[in-house]
Amino acid sequence: MANSVIPEVGPQVPRRGGAFSRGLGRLFLRLLGWKVVGEFPNLPKMVMIGAPHTTNWDGVIGLATLMAMGLQAATMIKASAFKGPLGVVLRWF
């Protein structure tokens, strides 16, 4: 994945983060060999579903994608995931 291209996000899409968090998300995706392809709808609200959920890495890759694109999003995660050191990171996301 030599050329990491992230789709353009329209002006109606809620944004979050800055250049640092976007760069960090892009770096993480590049290190894992993932890339984002396709178009992203220019809507202020939407529901996105990632399926099938096959490993615990799916959530990590999803969060890295949100960071790389600079998207403001909410997720549903079981309460026990917010305990311990990882809980601090998940609450920040």
PDB file of N, CA and C in Angstrom:
ATOM      1  N   MET A   1       0.839  -1.179   0.000  1.00  0.00           N
ATOM      2  CA  MET A   1       0.000   0.000   0.000  1.00  0.00           C
ATOM      3  C   MET A   1       0.883   1.241   0.000  1.00  0.00           C
ATOM      4  N   ALA A   2       1.491   1.521  -1.107  1.00  0.00           N
ATOM      5  CA  ALA A   2       2.417   2.636  -1.195  1.00  0.00           C
ATOM      6  C   ALA A   2       1.703   3.981  -1.156  1.00  0.00           C
ATOM      7  N   ASN A   3       0.530   4.067  -1.762  1.00  0.00           N
ATOM      8  CA  ASN A   3      -0.196   5.327  -1.825  1.00  0.00           C
ATOM      9  C   ASN A   3      -1.455   5.232  -0.973  1.00  0.00           C
ATOM     10  N   SER A   4      -1.449   5.876   0.176  1.00  0.00           N
ATOM     11  CA  SER A   4      -2.591   5.825   1.088  1.00  0.00           C
ATOM     12  C   SER A   4      -3.545   6.969   0.766  1.00  0.00           C
ATOM     13  N   VAL A   5      -4.663   6.643   0.151  1.00  0.00           N
ATOM     14  CA  VAL A   5      -5.649   7.652  -0.228  1.00  0.00           C
ATOM     15  C   VAL A   5      -6.879   7.478   0.656  1.00  0.00           C
ATOM     16  N   ILE A   6      -7.300   8.570   1.280  1.00  0.00           N
ATOM     17  CA  ILE A   6      -8.509   8.576   2.101  1.00  0.00           C
ATOM     18  C   ILE A   6      -9.565   9.353   1.316  1.00  0.00           C
ATOM     19  N   PRO A   7     -10.783   8.809   1.170  1.00  0.00           N
ATOM     20  CA  PRO A   7     -11.824   9.508   0.421  1.00  0.00           C
ATOM     21  C   PRO A   7     -12.131  10.891   0.998  1.00  0.00           C
ATOM     22  N   GLU A   8     -12.515  11.801   0.112  1.00  0.00           N
ATOM     23  CA  GLU A   8     -12.920  13.143   0.530  1.00  0.00           C
ATOM     24  C   GLU A   8     -14.187  13.058   1.368  1.00  0.00           C
ATOM     25  N   VAL A   9     -14.273  13.907   2.372  1.00  0.00           N
ATOM     26  CA  VAL A   9     -15.448  13.975   3.230  1.00  0.00           C
ATOM     27  C   VAL A   9     -16.097  15.334   2.996  1.00  0.00           C
ATOM     28  N   GLY A  10     -17.393  15.332   2.685  1.00  0.00           N
ATOM     29  CA  GLY A  10     -18.115  16.554   2.355  1.00  0.00           C
ATOM     30  C   GLY A  10     -18.314  17.480   3.538  1.00  0.00           C
ATOM     31  N   PRO A  11     -18.751  18.715   3.290  1.00  0.00           N
ATOM     32  CA  PRO A  11     -18.894  19.724   4.344  1.00  0.00           C
ATOM     33  C   PRO A  11     -20.011  19.438   5.344  1.00  0.00           C
ATOM     34  N   GLN A  12     -20.992  18.602   5.001  1.00  0.00           N
ATOM     35  CA  GLN A  12     -22.089  18.316   5.933  1.00  0.00           C
ATOM     36  C   GLN A  12     -21.726  17.241   6.966  1.00  0.00           C
ATOM     37  N   VAL A  13     -20.667  16.500   6.718  1.00  0.00           N
ATOM     38  CA  VAL A  13     -20.267  15.399   7.606  1.00  0.00           C
ATOM     39  C   VAL A  13     -19.611  15.968   8.854  1.00  0.00           C
ATOM     40  N   PRO A  14     -20.088  15.599  10.061  1.00  0.00           N
ATOM     41  CA  PRO A  14     -19.470  16.091  11.301  1.00  0.00           C
ATOM     42  C   PRO A  14     -18.015  15.633  11.408  1.00  0.00           C
ATOM     43  N   ARG A  15     -17.133  16.561  11.753  1.00  0.00           N
ATOM     44  CA  ARG A  15     -15.696  16.286  11.807  1.00  0.00           C
ATOM     45  C   ARG A  15     -15.205  16.297  13.246  1.00  0.00           C
ATOM     46  N   ARG A  16     -14.067  15.645  13.459  1.00  0.00           N
ATOM     47  CA  ARG A  16     -13.430  15.609  14.769  1.00  0.00           C
ATOM     48  C   ARG A  16     -11.938  15.422  14.570  1.00  0.00           C
ATOM     49  N   GLY A  17     -11.165  15.993  15.472  1.00  0.00           N
ATOM     50  CA  GLY A  17      -9.723  15.788  15.433  1.00  0.00           C
ATOM     51  C   GLY A  17      -9.021  16.800  14.554  1.00  0.00           C
ATOM     52  N   GLY A  18      -7.727  16.630  14.485  1.00  0.00           N
ATOM     53  CA  GLY A  18      -6.908  17.533  13.702  1.00  0.00           C
ATOM     54  C   GLY A  18      -5.918  16.746  12.858  1.00  0.00           C
ATOM     55  N   ALA A  19      -4.899  17.445  12.372  1.00  0.00           N
ATOM     56  CA  ALA A  19      -3.917  16.823  11.494  1.00  0.00           C
ATOM     57  C   ALA A  19      -3.179  15.682  12.190  1.00  0.00           C
ATOM     58  N   PHE A  20      -2.887  15.842  13.493  1.00  0.00           N
ATOM     59  CA  PHE A  20      -2.158  14.793  14.214  1.00  0.00           C
ATOM     60  C   PHE A  20      -2.961  13.496  14.289  1.00  0.00           C
ATOM     61  N   SER A  21      -4.233  13.578  14.700  1.00  0.00           N
ATOM     62  CA  SER A  21      -5.032  12.360  14.832  1.00  0.00           C
ATOM     63  C   SER A  21      -5.306  11.725  13.468  1.00  0.00           C
ATOM     64  N   ARG A  22      -5.511  12.546  12.433  1.00  0.00           N
ATOM     65  CA  ARG A  22      -5.700  11.987  11.089  1.00  0.00           C
ATOM     66  C   ARG A  22      -4.439  11.272  10.622  1.00  0.00           C
ATOM     67  N   GLY A  23      -3.293  11.881  10.861  1.00  0.00           N
ATOM     68  CA  GLY A  23      -2.020  11.259  10.481  1.00  0.00           C
ATOM     69  C   GLY A  23      -1.772   9.969  11.234  1.00  0.00           C
ATOM     70  N   LEU A  24      -2.109   9.963  12.522  1.00  0.00           N
ATOM     71  CA  LEU A  24      -1.938   8.760  13.335  1.00  0.00           C
ATOM     72  C   LEU A  24      -2.828   7.625  12.829  1.00  0.00           C
ATOM     73  N   GLY A  25      -4.077   7.931  12.510  1.00  0.00           N
ATOM     74  CA  GLY A  25      -4.988   6.936  11.962  1.00  0.00           C
ATOM     75  C   GLY A  25      -4.502   6.396  10.627  1.00  0.00           C
ATOM     76  N   ARG A  26      -4.005   7.279   9.767  1.00  0.00           N
ATOM     77  CA  ARG A  26      -3.496   6.852   8.458  1.00  0.00           C
ATOM     78  C   ARG A  26      -2.251   5.984   8.607  1.00  0.00           C
ATOM     79  N   LEU A  27      -1.370   6.358   9.526  1.00  0.00           N
ATOM     80  CA  LEU A  27      -0.168   5.566   9.777  1.00  0.00           C
ATOM     81  C   LEU A  27      -0.536   4.166  10.265  1.00  0.00           C
ATOM     82  N   PHE A  28      -1.467   4.090  11.197  1.00  0.00           N
ATOM     83  CA  PHE A  28      -1.890   2.795  11.737  1.00  0.00           C
ATOM     84  C   PHE A  28      -2.475   1.913  10.638  1.00  0.00           C
ATOM     85  N   LEU A  29      -3.347   2.486   9.800  1.00  0.00           N
ATOM     86  CA  LEU A  29      -3.922   1.713   8.702  1.00  0.00           C
ATOM     87  C   LEU A  29      -2.840   1.241   7.729  1.00  0.00           C
ATOM     88  N   ARG A  30      -1.878   2.115   7.443  1.00  0.00           N
ATOM     89  CA  ARG A  30      -0.807   1.759   6.517  1.00  0.00           C
ATOM     90  C   ARG A  30       0.054   0.629   7.086  1.00  0.00           C
ATOM     91  N   LEU A  31       0.373   0.702   8.379  1.00  0.00           N
ATOM     92  CA  LEU A  31       1.185  -0.345   9.005  1.00  0.00           C
ATOM     93  C   LEU A  31       0.489  -1.703   8.990  1.00  0.00           C
ATOM     94  N   LEU A  32      -0.844  -1.697   9.104  1.00  0.00           N
ATOM     95  CA  LEU A  32      -1.601  -2.950   9.086  1.00  0.00           C
ATOM     96  C   LEU A  32      -1.971  -3.402   7.678  1.00  0.00           C
ATOM     97  N   GLY A  33      -1.649  -2.575   6.661  1.00  0.00           N
ATOM     98  CA  GLY A  33      -1.932  -2.952   5.282  1.00  0.00           C
ATOM     99  C   GLY A  33      -3.360  -2.685   4.835  1.00  0.00           C
ATOM    100  N   TRP A  34      -4.073  -1.797   5.520  1.00  0.00           N
ATOM    101  CA  TRP A  34      -5.456  -1.487   5.176  1.00  0.00           C
ATOM    102  C   TRP A  34      -5.524  -0.169   4.421  1.00  0.00           C
ATOM    103  N   LYS A  35      -6.565  -0.016   3.590  1.00  0.00           N
ATOM    104  CA  LYS A  35      -6.826   1.259   2.939  1.00  0.00           C
ATOM    105  C   LYS A  35      -8.335   1.464   2.845  1.00  0.00           C
ATOM    106  N   VAL A  36      -8.731   2.709   2.710  1.00  0.00           N
ATOM    107  CA  VAL A  36     -10.147   3.060   2.606  1.00  0.00           C
ATOM    108  C   VAL A  36     -10.441   3.308   1.133  1.00  0.00           C
ATOM    109  N   VAL A  37     -11.448   2.619   0.604  1.00  0.00           N
ATOM    110  CA  VAL A  37     -11.810   2.783  -0.802  1.00  0.00           C
ATOM    111  C   VAL A  37     -13.282   3.157  -0.913  1.00  0.00           C
ATOM    112  N   GLY A  38     -13.640   3.770  -2.016  1.00  0.00           N
ATOM    113  CA  GLY A  38     -15.036   4.127  -2.259  1.00  0.00           C
ATOM    114  C   GLY A  38     -15.330   5.568  -1.921  1.00  0.00           C
ATOM    115  N   GLU A  39     -16.596   5.919  -2.038  1.00  0.00           N
ATOM    116  CA  GLU A  39     -17.047   7.277  -1.755  1.00  0.00           C
ATOM    117  C   GLU A  39     -17.726   7.320  -0.392  1.00  0.00           C
ATOM    118  N   PHE A  40     -17.708   8.485   0.216  1.00  0.00           N
ATOM    119  CA  PHE A  40     -18.334   8.676   1.512  1.00  0.00           C
ATOM    120  C   PHE A  40     -19.486   9.656   1.342  1.00  0.00           C
ATOM    121  N   PRO A  41     -20.706   9.317   1.788  1.00  0.00           N
ATOM    122  CA  PRO A  41     -21.852  10.213   1.582  1.00  0.00           C
ATOM    123  C   PRO A  41     -21.712  11.526   2.346  1.00  0.00           C
ATOM    124  N   ASN A  42     -22.166  12.596   1.746  1.00  0.00           N
ATOM    125  CA  ASN A  42     -22.123  13.923   2.361  1.00  0.00           C
ATOM    126  C   ASN A  42     -23.428  14.159   3.124  1.00  0.00           C
ATOM    127  N   LEU A  43     -23.559  13.525   4.284  1.00  0.00           N
ATOM    128  CA  LEU A  43     -24.771  13.608   5.102  1.00  0.00           C
ATOM    129  C   LEU A  43     -24.399  13.963   6.542  1.00  0.00           C
ATOM    130  N   PRO A  44     -25.242  14.757   7.230  1.00  0.00           N
ATOM    131  CA  PRO A  44     -24.941  15.117   8.613  1.00  0.00           C
ATOM    132  C   PRO A  44     -25.172  13.975   9.602  1.00  0.00           C
ATOM    133  N   LYS A  45     -26.011  13.005   9.248  1.00  0.00           N
ATOM    134  CA  LYS A  45     -26.274  11.851  10.110  1.00  0.00           C
ATOM    135  C   LYS A  45     -26.423  10.611   9.247  1.00  0.00           C
ATOM    136  N   MET A  46     -25.909   9.497   9.758  1.00  0.00           N
ATOM    137  CA  MET A  46     -26.045   8.232   9.037  1.00  0.00           C
ATOM    138  C   MET A  46     -25.731   7.090   9.986  1.00  0.00           C
ATOM    139  N   VAL A  47     -26.062   5.896   9.574  1.00  0.00           N
ATOM    140  CA  VAL A  47     -25.725   4.690  10.321  1.00  0.00           C
ATOM    141  C   VAL A  47     -24.789   3.879   9.443  1.00  0.00           C
ATOM    142  N   MET A  48     -23.640   3.533   9.989  1.00  0.00           N
ATOM    143  CA  MET A  48     -22.690   2.684   9.276  1.00  0.00           C
ATOM    144  C   MET A  48     -22.563   1.386  10.051  1.00  0.00           C
ATOM    145  N   ILE A  49     -22.540   0.298   9.346  1.00  0.00           N
ATOM    146  CA  ILE A  49     -22.430  -1.010   9.983  1.00  0.00           C
ATOM    147  C   ILE A  49     -21.217  -1.721   9.408  1.00  0.00           C
ATOM    148  N   GLY A  50     -20.341  -2.175  10.304  1.00  0.00           N
ATOM    149  CA  GLY A  50     -19.196  -2.968   9.881  1.00  0.00           C
ATOM    150  C   GLY A  50     -19.501  -4.431  10.121  1.00  0.00           C
ATOM    151  N   ALA A  51     -19.591  -5.215   9.068  1.00  0.00           N
ATOM    152  CA  ALA A  51     -19.934  -6.628   9.229  1.00  0.00           C
ATOM    153  C   ALA A  51     -19.186  -7.434   8.182  1.00  0.00           C
ATOM    154  N   PRO A  52     -18.888  -8.652   8.397  1.00  0.00           N
ATOM    155  CA  PRO A  52     -19.062  -9.387   9.649  1.00  0.00           C
ATOM    156  C   PRO A  52     -17.942  -9.036  10.627  1.00  0.00           C
ATOM    157  N   HIS A  53     -18.257  -9.058  11.876  1.00  0.00           N
ATOM    158  CA  HIS A  53     -17.284  -8.790  12.931  1.00  0.00           C
ATOM    159  C   HIS A  53     -16.573 -10.110  13.211  1.00  0.00           C
ATOM    160  N   THR A  54     -15.327 -10.239  12.747  1.00  0.00           N
ATOM    161  CA  THR A  54     -14.646 -11.532  12.802  1.00  0.00           C
ATOM    162  C   THR A  54     -13.558 -11.617  13.864  1.00  0.00           C
ATOM    163  N   THR A  55     -12.957 -10.480  14.232  1.00  0.00           N
ATOM    164  CA  THR A  55     -11.895 -10.506  15.242  1.00  0.00           C
ATOM    165  C   THR A  55     -12.014  -9.275  16.129  1.00  0.00           C
ATOM    166  N   ASN A  56     -11.241  -9.248  17.202  1.00  0.00           N
ATOM    167  CA  ASN A  56     -11.194  -8.062  18.062  1.00  0.00           C
ATOM    168  C   ASN A  56     -10.499  -6.898  17.368  1.00  0.00           C
ATOM    169  N   TRP A  57      -9.758  -7.164  16.316  1.00  0.00           N
ATOM    170  CA  TRP A  57      -9.082  -6.102  15.574  1.00  0.00           C
ATOM    171  C   TRP A  57     -10.052  -5.278  14.731  1.00  0.00           C
ATOM    172  N   ASP A  58     -11.232  -5.785  14.458  1.00  0.00           N
ATOM    173  CA  ASP A  58     -12.203  -5.043  13.653  1.00  0.00           C
ATOM    174  C   ASP A  58     -12.502  -3.678  14.258  1.00  0.00           C
ATOM    175  N   GLY A  59     -12.687  -3.644  15.557  1.00  0.00           N
ATOM    176  CA  GLY A  59     -12.965  -2.372  16.226  1.00  0.00           C
ATOM    177  C   GLY A  59     -11.787  -1.422  16.177  1.00  0.00           C
ATOM    178  N   VAL A  60     -10.595  -1.947  16.343  1.00  0.00           N
ATOM    179  CA  VAL A  60      -9.376  -1.124  16.301  1.00  0.00           C
ATOM    180  C   VAL A  60      -9.204  -0.525  14.906  1.00  0.00           C
ATOM    181  N   ILE A  61      -9.402  -1.342  13.887  1.00  0.00           N
ATOM    182  CA  ILE A  61      -9.272  -0.854  12.508  1.00  0.00           C
ATOM    183  C   ILE A  61     -10.374   0.163  12.200  1.00  0.00           C
ATOM    184  N   GLY A  62     -11.574  -0.073  12.716  1.00  0.00           N
ATOM    185  CA  GLY A  62     -12.664   0.880  12.522  1.00  0.00           C
ATOM    186  C   GLY A  62     -12.362   2.224  13.161  1.00  0.00           C
ATOM    187  N   LEU A  63     -11.834   2.202  14.378  1.00  0.00           N
ATOM    188  CA  LEU A  63     -11.484   3.457  15.048  1.00  0.00           C
ATOM    189  C   LEU A  63     -10.340   4.172  14.322  1.00  0.00           C
ATOM    190  N   ALA A  64      -9.373   3.419  13.826  1.00  0.00           N
ATOM    191  CA  ALA A  64      -8.279   4.030  13.061  1.00  0.00           C
ATOM    192  C   ALA A  64      -8.822   4.685  11.793  1.00  0.00           C
ATOM    193  N   THR A  65      -9.813   4.063  11.173  1.00  0.00           N
ATOM    194  CA  THR A  65     -10.428   4.627   9.971  1.00  0.00           C
ATOM    195  C   THR A  65     -11.161   5.924  10.293  1.00  0.00           C
ATOM    196  N   LEU A  66     -11.894   5.940  11.416  1.00  0.00           N
ATOM    197  CA  LEU A  66     -12.570   7.176  11.834  1.00  0.00           C
ATOM    198  C   LEU A  66     -11.555   8.288  12.063  1.00  0.00           C
ATOM    199  N   MET A  67     -10.445   7.950  12.725  1.00  0.00           N
ATOM    200  CA  MET A  67      -9.403   8.946  12.971  1.00  0.00           C
ATOM    201  C   MET A  67      -8.792   9.431  11.661  1.00  0.00           C
ATOM    202  N   ALA A  68      -8.462   8.498  10.755  1.00  0.00           N
ATOM    203  CA  ALA A  68      -7.822   8.855   9.489  1.00  0.00           C
ATOM    204  C   ALA A  68      -8.701   9.784   8.664  1.00  0.00           C
ATOM    205  N   MET A  69     -10.017   9.585   8.729  1.00  0.00           N
ATOM    206  CA  MET A  69     -10.940  10.409   7.956  1.00  0.00           C
ATOM    207  C   MET A  69     -11.392  11.644   8.723  1.00  0.00           C
ATOM    208  N   GLY A  70     -11.070  11.717  10.009  1.00  0.00           N
ATOM    209  CA  GLY A  70     -11.465  12.869  10.817  1.00  0.00           C
ATOM    210  C   GLY A  70     -12.950  12.919  11.083  1.00  0.00           C
ATOM    211  N   LEU A  71     -13.578  11.766  11.277  1.00  0.00           N
ATOM    212  CA  LEU A  71     -15.024  11.707  11.451  1.00  0.00           C
ATOM    213  C   LEU A  71     -15.433  11.725  12.917  1.00  0.00           C
ATOM    214  N   GLN A  72     -16.496  12.431  13.209  1.00  0.00           N
ATOM    215  CA  GLN A  72     -17.120  12.389  14.532  1.00  0.00           C
ATOM    216  C   GLN A  72     -18.121  11.251  14.493  1.00  0.00           C
ATOM    217  N   ALA A  73     -18.001  10.317  15.429  1.00  0.00           N
ATOM    218  CA  ALA A  73     -18.886   9.156  15.397  1.00  0.00           C
ATOM    219  C   ALA A  73     -19.147   8.664  16.811  1.00  0.00           C
ATOM    220  N   ALA A  74     -20.222   7.939  16.959  1.00  0.00           N
ATOM    221  CA  ALA A  74     -20.545   7.283  18.220  1.00  0.00           C
ATOM    222  C   ALA A  74     -20.622   5.786  17.945  1.00  0.00           C
ATOM    223  N   THR A  75     -20.203   4.997  18.914  1.00  0.00           N
ATOM    224  CA  THR A  75     -20.237   3.551  18.752  1.00  0.00           C
ATOM    225  C   THR A  75     -20.900   2.913  19.961  1.00  0.00           C
ATOM    226  N   MET A  76     -21.373   1.709  19.767  1.00  0.00           N
ATOM    227  CA  MET A  76     -21.923   0.930  20.870  1.00  0.00           C
ATOM    228  C   MET A  76     -20.933  -0.185  21.186  1.00  0.00           C
ATOM    229  N   ILE A  77     -20.451  -0.182  22.429  1.00  0.00           N
ATOM    230  CA  ILE A  77     -19.478  -1.180  22.869  1.00  0.00           C
ATOM    231  C   ILE A  77     -19.919  -1.656  24.245  1.00  0.00           C
ATOM    232  N   LYS A  78     -19.697  -2.932  24.534  1.00  0.00           N
ATOM    233  CA  LYS A  78     -20.094  -3.467  25.833  1.00  0.00           C
ATOM    234  C   LYS A  78     -19.349  -2.744  26.956  1.00  0.00           C
ATOM    235  N   ALA A  79     -19.996  -2.600  28.119  1.00  0.00           N
ATOM    236  CA  ALA A  79     -19.476  -1.825  29.246  1.00  0.00           C
ATOM    237  C   ALA A  79     -18.137  -2.346  29.751  1.00  0.00           C
ATOM    238  N   SER A  80     -17.910  -3.646  29.720  1.00  0.00           N
ATOM    239  CA  SER A  80     -16.663  -4.197  30.250  1.00  0.00           C
ATOM    240  C   SER A  80     -15.444  -3.763  29.442  1.00  0.00           C
ATOM    241  N   ALA A  81     -15.623  -3.316  28.204  1.00  0.00           N
ATOM    242  CA  ALA A  81     -14.498  -2.852  27.389  1.00  0.00           C
ATOM    243  C   ALA A  81     -13.919  -1.546  27.910  1.00  0.00           C
ATOM    244  N   PHE A  82     -14.690  -0.807  28.710  1.00  0.00           N
ATOM    245  CA  PHE A  82     -14.248   0.495  29.199  1.00  0.00           C
ATOM    246  C   PHE A  82     -13.478   0.408  30.510  1.00  0.00           C
ATOM    247  N   LYS A  83     -13.161  -0.794  30.975  1.00  0.00           N
ATOM    248  CA  LYS A  83     -12.404  -0.979  32.205  1.00  0.00           C
ATOM    249  C   LYS A  83     -10.929  -1.133  31.883  1.00  0.00           C
ATOM    250  N   GLY A  84     -10.087  -0.717  32.811  1.00  0.00           N
ATOM    251  CA  GLY A  84      -8.646  -0.865  32.624  1.00  0.00           C
ATOM    252  C   GLY A  84      -8.065   0.237  31.758  1.00  0.00           C
ATOM    253  N   PRO A  85      -6.791   0.074  31.367  1.00  0.00           N
ATOM    254  CA  PRO A  85      -6.102   1.118  30.598  1.00  0.00           C
ATOM    255  C   PRO A  85      -6.740   1.390  29.237  1.00  0.00           C
ATOM    256  N   LEU A  86      -7.288   0.355  28.608  1.00  0.00           N
ATOM    257  CA  LEU A  86      -7.926   0.555  27.311  1.00  0.00           C
ATOM    258  C   LEU A  86      -9.189   1.402  27.435  1.00  0.00           C
ATOM    259  N   GLY A  87      -9.816   1.384  28.605  1.00  0.00           N
ATOM    260  CA  GLY A  87     -11.019   2.170  28.833  1.00  0.00           C
ATOM    261  C   GLY A  87     -10.799   3.659  28.635  1.00  0.00           C
ATOM    262  N   VAL A  88      -9.628   4.150  29.057  1.00  0.00           N
ATOM    263  CA  VAL A  88      -9.300   5.568  28.881  1.00  0.00           C
ATOM    264  C   VAL A  88      -9.296   5.924  27.401  1.00  0.00           C
ATOM    265  N   VAL A  89      -8.678   5.078  26.590  1.00  0.00           N
ATOM    266  CA  VAL A  89      -8.607   5.315  25.155  1.00  0.00           C
ATOM    267  C   VAL A  89      -9.991   5.244  24.519  1.00  0.00           C
ATOM    268  N   LEU A  90     -10.774   4.246  24.899  1.00  0.00           N
ATOM    269  CA  LEU A  90     -12.125   4.102  24.320  1.00  0.00           C
ATOM    270  C   LEU A  90     -13.026   5.284  24.683  1.00  0.00           C
ATOM    271  N   ARG A  91     -12.931   5.785  25.907  1.00  0.00           N
ATOM    272  CA  ARG A  91     -13.739   6.945  26.283  1.00  0.00           C
ATOM    273  C   ARG A  91     -13.323   8.172  25.473  1.00  0.00           C
ATOM    274  N   TRP A  92     -12.020   8.301  25.165  1.00  0.00           N
ATOM    275  CA  TRP A  92     -11.558   9.421  24.358  1.00  0.00           C
ATOM    276  C   TRP A  92     -12.143   9.342  22.953  1.00  0.00           C
ATOM    277  N   PHE A  93     -12.169   8.099  22.383  1.00  0.00           N
ATOM    278  CA  PHE A  93     -12.749   7.921  21.050  1.00  0.00           C
ATOM    279  C   PHE A  93     -14.215   8.262  21.086  1.00  0.00           C
TER     280      PHE A  93
END
